[in-house]
């Protein structure tokens, strides 16, 4: 009980403390581990999932509770109408105790235990999903920050080229058209830089929403996209890992067990549950002790409706468990395919495309400086190099996203995370 109150106190006071911490960290770059810690403590979805566990534990307590006894007290007065009959005060006390038979109590308890297991697995599933989205948002910021740096570098380069062309135009070594073209390219680069900066802020806002508002308004992110990590691509082993560890399947199986126990409970409730009644009654000159057993007769209502409902819920839980398994297998195959495609693209870029684009840019720059080519050829080479760099960064991000999806499906992280 003390531990539960302590956790409730932390859930209430945590956001306030982290808000103070966020203001203290306003000028410090945050790493991925710090972002994940803040997400675990503050994300509203995780807080709501924790409360579901508490609700399921309450249902289990209810399922384990014994039925309460009833106390009946009565009093009255005896009035004599014939001679020889005593008159006086009447009184009586009855205690009624419903008796819950073992074959009813057991499935009720098992249904409550399956509910706790389902709520716990649901929290694990939500945790995996939220933390994976937090990682994706974190790496999305890194990708956009890298693209922002590229646009800033490109703008500075084009500004330098524009200034040089302006000098050449002033001394009559270049035509006015080259300056107009350089100004247009610089204007486009400036717009691209502003758009890239806006996308970075939007990505930070999305991350702030996942963390639960605990991030400072001017948060800085530090890290790098992973490019060398290789997951085990043995599909059979990956499938076994998903089927064994993923909390969504654990939750689906727990729901099947709960529906099975509920059906067994409804079927057991067809049999009458006795009620034991004991009492003492006092009349003038007379005292009685009685023990009665009442038993309802299931003549008109044999619980056909609740049993049919529970059977339908059992069938639905089985179907949902099968659907969940098929869905996870499809997601795994999709993630593996996306990983392989992105990996092939990265290998193509690193094996030659990046070097070729950079070499073409250097050749075009040297030819432009020597006057062998015009500004248009140089700017075309610059755009080609920038496009290749952007595609390479996007391929790194796609590979990273596929890795995160595979990690989520394997569900080996955060399984021991305290609730």
Foldseek 3Di string as FASTA:
>chain_A
DVVVVVVVVCLVCVLVVLLVVQVVCLPPADELVRLLVLLCNAFPVLVVLVVQLVVLVVQLVVLQDADDKDKDKDKDWADDPDPPDDTGIKIKIKIKGWDDDPLQSVLSNLLSVLSNQLSVLVSLLVSLVLSLVLVLLQVVLVLLVVLLVVLVVVLVVLVVVLVVVVVCVVVPNDDPVQNVVSVVVNVVSVVSNVVSVVVSLVSVVVSCNSSNVSHDNNHHHDDDQDDPDDDDPPLVVLLVLLCVARSVLSSLVSQLSSLVSQLSNLQVPLAWTKMWMWMWMDGVVDIDTDIDIDTDDCDPCSSPPSNVVSVVSNVVSVVVSVVVSVVLSVLLVVLSVLLVVLSVLLCVLVVPVLVVLVVLLVVQVVCVVVVNDDPVSNVVSVVSNSVSVSVNSVSSSSNSSSVSSSCSSSSPPPPPPDD
